[in-house]
């Protein structure tokens, strides 16, 4: 489904009301194939949501080794910080 939407011109980076992108959501749900498709089609690796989380930081906090590895291999910034209140 992701591939079809992207082929038809959908943006890989729409943002929801919390600042989450499809990449962040798909990785959070363990949808690695969809995440790879998004990255291949130019999804931004380091968008920050309203909670100060990037896809990489969220993957680290979730102990998702596969997502962390994918994001680092694809060039995600590893030294971004988030402020938690």
N, C-alpha and C. Protein backbone atom coordinates (compact mmCIF):
# COMPACT_ATOMS: atom_id res chain seq x y z
N UNK A 1 0.82 -1.18 0.00
CA UNK A 1 0.00 0.00 0.00
C UNK A 1 0.87 1.26 0.00
N UNK A 2 1.92 1.27 0.82
CA UNK A 2 2.81 2.43 0.88
C UNK A 2 3.42 2.70 -0.48
N UNK A 3 3.90 1.65 -1.14
CA UNK A 3 4.51 1.81 -2.45
C UNK A 3 3.54 2.41 -3.45
N UNK A 4 2.33 1.91 -3.45
CA UNK A 4 1.31 2.41 -4.38
C UNK A 4 1.03 3.89 -4.15
N UNK A 5 0.86 4.28 -2.90
CA UNK A 5 0.60 5.68 -2.59
C UNK A 5 1.76 6.57 -3.03
N UNK A 6 2.97 6.13 -2.78
CA UNK A 6 4.14 6.92 -3.17
C UNK A 6 4.26 6.99 -4.69
N UNK A 7 3.98 5.88 -5.38
CA UNK A 7 4.02 5.88 -6.84
C UNK A 7 3.01 6.85 -7.43
N UNK A 8 1.93 7.06 -6.73
CA UNK A 8 0.88 7.97 -7.21
C UNK A 8 1.06 9.40 -6.71
N UNK A 9 2.21 9.68 -6.15
CA UNK A 9 2.55 11.05 -5.81
C UNK A 9 2.39 11.47 -4.36
N UNK A 10 2.05 10.54 -3.48
CA UNK A 10 1.92 10.90 -2.06
C UNK A 10 3.29 11.27 -1.49
N UNK A 11 3.28 12.19 -0.58
CA UNK A 11 4.51 12.58 0.11
C UNK A 11 4.90 11.50 1.12
N UNK A 12 6.20 11.22 1.25
CA UNK A 12 6.62 10.26 2.27
C UNK A 12 6.64 10.87 3.68
N UNK A 13 6.39 12.18 3.77
CA UNK A 13 6.54 12.87 5.05
C UNK A 13 5.34 13.69 5.53
N UNK A 14 4.11 13.24 5.32
CA UNK A 14 3.02 14.03 5.91
C UNK A 14 3.11 13.95 7.43
N UNK A 15 2.69 15.00 8.08
CA UNK A 15 2.80 15.08 9.54
C UNK A 15 1.40 15.10 10.14
N UNK A 16 1.18 14.28 11.19
CA UNK A 16 -0.13 14.29 11.86
C UNK A 16 -0.16 15.37 12.94
N UNK A 17 -1.23 15.41 13.69
CA UNK A 17 -1.40 16.46 14.69
C UNK A 17 -0.40 16.40 15.85
N UNK A 18 0.33 15.30 15.97
CA UNK A 18 1.35 15.16 17.01
C UNK A 18 2.76 15.36 16.46
N UNK A 19 2.84 15.62 15.16
CA UNK A 19 4.14 15.79 14.52
C UNK A 19 4.77 14.49 14.08
N UNK A 20 4.02 13.39 14.18
CA UNK A 20 4.55 12.09 13.75
C UNK A 20 4.46 11.95 12.24
N UNK A 21 5.46 11.31 11.66
CA UNK A 21 5.47 11.01 10.23
C UNK A 21 5.20 9.52 10.04
N UNK A 22 4.90 9.11 8.81
CA UNK A 22 4.71 7.68 8.56
C UNK A 22 5.92 6.84 8.96
N UNK A 23 7.13 7.37 8.76
CA UNK A 23 8.32 6.61 9.14
C UNK A 23 8.34 6.33 10.64
N UNK A 24 8.08 7.34 11.44
CA UNK A 24 8.07 7.15 12.89
C UNK A 24 6.98 6.15 13.29
N UNK A 25 5.81 6.30 12.72
CA UNK A 25 4.70 5.40 13.08
C UNK A 25 4.98 3.97 12.63
N UNK A 26 5.45 3.81 11.38
CA UNK A 26 5.71 2.45 10.88
C UNK A 26 6.79 1.75 11.69
N UNK A 27 7.85 2.46 12.03
CA UNK A 27 8.89 1.85 12.85
C UNK A 27 8.36 1.50 14.24
N UNK A 28 7.52 2.35 14.79
CA UNK A 28 6.93 2.09 16.11
C UNK A 28 6.06 0.84 16.11
N UNK A 29 5.47 0.56 14.95
CA UNK A 29 4.58 -0.61 14.82
C UNK A 29 5.31 -1.84 14.29
N UNK A 30 6.63 -1.73 14.10
CA UNK A 30 7.40 -2.87 13.61
C UNK A 30 7.24 -3.13 12.12
N UNK A 31 6.80 -2.15 11.38
CA UNK A 31 6.58 -2.31 9.93
C UNK A 31 7.86 -1.93 9.19
N UNK A 32 8.85 -2.79 9.27
CA UNK A 32 10.16 -2.51 8.70
C UNK A 32 10.12 -2.40 7.17
N UNK A 33 9.33 -3.24 6.52
CA UNK A 33 9.26 -3.18 5.06
C UNK A 33 8.72 -1.83 4.61
N UNK A 34 7.65 -1.37 5.25
CA UNK A 34 7.08 -0.06 4.90
C UNK A 34 8.08 1.05 5.20
N UNK A 35 8.80 0.93 6.31
CA UNK A 35 9.81 1.94 6.66
C UNK A 35 10.90 2.01 5.60
N UNK A 36 11.35 0.86 5.12
CA UNK A 36 12.38 0.83 4.07
C UNK A 36 11.88 1.49 2.79
N UNK A 37 10.62 1.24 2.44
CA UNK A 37 10.03 1.85 1.25
C UNK A 37 9.99 3.37 1.41
N UNK A 38 9.58 3.83 2.57
CA UNK A 38 9.54 5.28 2.83
C UNK A 38 10.93 5.89 2.71
N UNK A 39 11.92 5.25 3.31
CA UNK A 39 13.29 5.77 3.25
C UNK A 39 13.78 5.79 1.81
N UNK A 40 13.54 4.72 1.08
CA UNK A 40 13.95 4.64 -0.33
C UNK A 40 13.33 5.77 -1.14
N UNK A 41 12.15 6.21 -0.74
CA UNK A 41 11.43 7.26 -1.46
C UNK A 41 11.62 8.64 -0.85
N UNK A 42 12.66 8.80 -0.06
CA UNK A 42 13.05 10.11 0.40
C UNK A 42 12.48 10.59 1.72
N UNK A 43 11.93 9.69 2.52
CA UNK A 43 11.41 10.12 3.83
C UNK A 43 12.54 10.73 4.66
N UNK A 44 12.22 11.81 5.35
CA UNK A 44 13.20 12.43 6.23
C UNK A 44 13.46 11.50 7.42
N UNK A 45 14.72 11.34 7.76
CA UNK A 45 15.11 10.42 8.83
C UNK A 45 15.04 11.05 10.21
N UNK A 46 15.07 12.37 10.29
CA UNK A 46 15.21 13.02 11.59
C UNK A 46 14.14 14.06 11.94
N UNK A 47 12.90 13.88 11.50
CA UNK A 47 11.90 14.86 11.92
C UNK A 47 11.64 14.73 13.43
N UNK A 48 11.35 15.84 14.06
CA UNK A 48 11.10 15.86 15.51
C UNK A 48 9.62 16.09 15.74
N UNK A 49 8.98 15.20 16.51
CA UNK A 49 7.55 15.37 16.79
C UNK A 49 7.35 16.33 17.96
N UNK A 50 6.10 16.55 18.34
CA UNK A 50 5.82 17.52 19.41
C UNK A 50 6.37 17.11 20.77
N UNK A 51 6.76 15.87 20.91
CA UNK A 51 7.34 15.39 22.16
C UNK A 51 8.86 15.42 22.14
N UNK A 52 9.43 15.92 21.05
CA UNK A 52 10.87 15.99 20.92
C UNK A 52 11.53 14.70 20.47
N UNK A 53 10.73 13.77 19.95
CA UNK A 53 11.26 12.47 19.53
C UNK A 53 11.50 12.42 18.03
N UNK A 54 12.62 11.85 17.65
CA UNK A 54 12.89 11.50 16.26
C UNK A 54 12.61 10.00 16.11
N UNK A 55 12.53 9.49 14.89
CA UNK A 55 12.37 8.05 14.73
C UNK A 55 13.48 7.26 15.44
N UNK A 56 14.72 7.75 15.36
CA UNK A 56 15.83 7.05 16.01
C UNK A 56 15.68 7.05 17.53
N UNK A 57 15.39 8.19 18.10
CA UNK A 57 15.25 8.25 19.55
C UNK A 57 14.10 7.38 20.04
N UNK A 58 13.02 7.38 19.30
CA UNK A 58 11.88 6.53 19.69
C UNK A 58 12.27 5.06 19.61
N UNK A 59 13.01 4.69 18.57
CA UNK A 59 13.46 3.30 18.43
C UNK A 59 14.39 2.91 19.58
N UNK A 60 15.28 3.81 19.96
CA UNK A 60 16.19 3.55 21.08
C UNK A 60 15.39 3.36 22.37
N UNK A 61 14.45 4.26 22.63
CA UNK A 61 13.64 4.16 23.85
C UNK A 61 12.81 2.89 23.90
N UNK A 62 12.48 2.35 22.70
CA UNK A 62 11.69 1.12 22.62
C UNK A 62 12.58 -0.13 22.55
N UNK A 63 13.89 0.06 22.60
CA UNK A 63 14.85 -1.05 22.48
C UNK A 63 14.65 -1.84 21.19
N UNK A 64 14.33 -1.14 20.11
CA UNK A 64 14.09 -1.77 18.82
C UNK A 64 15.39 -1.77 18.02
N UNK A 65 16.17 -2.81 18.20
CA UNK A 65 17.50 -2.90 17.60
C UNK A 65 17.43 -2.85 16.07
N UNK A 66 16.46 -3.51 15.48
CA UNK A 66 16.33 -3.52 14.02
C UNK A 66 16.08 -2.11 13.48
N UNK A 67 15.19 -1.38 14.12
CA UNK A 67 14.88 -0.02 13.68
C UNK A 67 16.08 0.90 13.90
N UNK A 68 16.75 0.77 15.03
CA UNK A 68 17.94 1.58 15.31
C UNK A 68 19.00 1.31 14.23
N UNK A 69 19.25 0.05 13.94
CA UNK A 69 20.25 -0.31 12.93
C UNK A 69 19.89 0.26 11.57
N UNK A 70 18.64 0.11 11.16
CA UNK A 70 18.20 0.62 9.87
C UNK A 70 18.42 2.13 9.79
N UNK A 71 17.98 2.85 10.79
CA UNK A 71 18.09 4.31 10.76
C UNK A 71 19.54 4.78 10.74
N UNK A 72 20.39 4.14 11.52
CA UNK A 72 21.81 4.52 11.53
C UNK A 72 22.45 4.19 10.19
N UNK A 73 22.17 3.02 9.64
CA UNK A 73 22.71 2.64 8.33
C UNK A 73 22.29 3.62 7.25
N UNK A 74 21.08 4.15 7.37
CA UNK A 74 20.56 5.07 6.35
C UNK A 74 20.99 6.51 6.58
N UNK A 75 21.68 6.78 7.69
CA UNK A 75 22.24 8.11 7.90
C UNK A 75 21.52 9.01 8.89
N UNK A 76 20.70 8.44 9.75
CA UNK A 76 20.03 9.25 10.77
C UNK A 76 21.07 9.91 11.67
N UNK A 77 20.76 11.12 12.09
CA UNK A 77 21.65 11.86 13.00
C UNK A 77 21.59 11.19 14.37
N UNK A 78 22.75 10.83 14.89
CA UNK A 78 22.79 10.07 16.15
C UNK A 78 22.99 10.94 17.39
N UNK A 79 23.24 12.22 17.20
CA UNK A 79 23.50 13.06 18.37
C UNK A 79 22.44 14.13 18.62
N UNK A 80 21.23 13.91 18.13
CA UNK A 80 20.12 14.81 18.46
C UNK A 80 19.62 14.47 19.86
N UNK A 81 19.21 15.47 20.58
CA UNK A 81 18.71 15.28 21.94
C UNK A 81 17.27 15.74 22.04
N UNK A 82 16.54 15.18 22.97
CA UNK A 82 15.16 15.59 23.23
C UNK A 82 15.06 16.08 24.65
N UNK A 83 14.16 17.02 24.85
CA UNK A 83 13.89 17.50 26.20
C UNK A 83 12.61 16.86 26.69
N UNK A 84 12.67 16.21 27.83
CA UNK A 84 11.49 15.60 28.42
C UNK A 84 11.06 16.44 29.61
N UNK A 85 9.76 16.71 29.67
CA UNK A 85 9.28 17.49 30.81
C UNK A 85 8.62 16.61 31.84
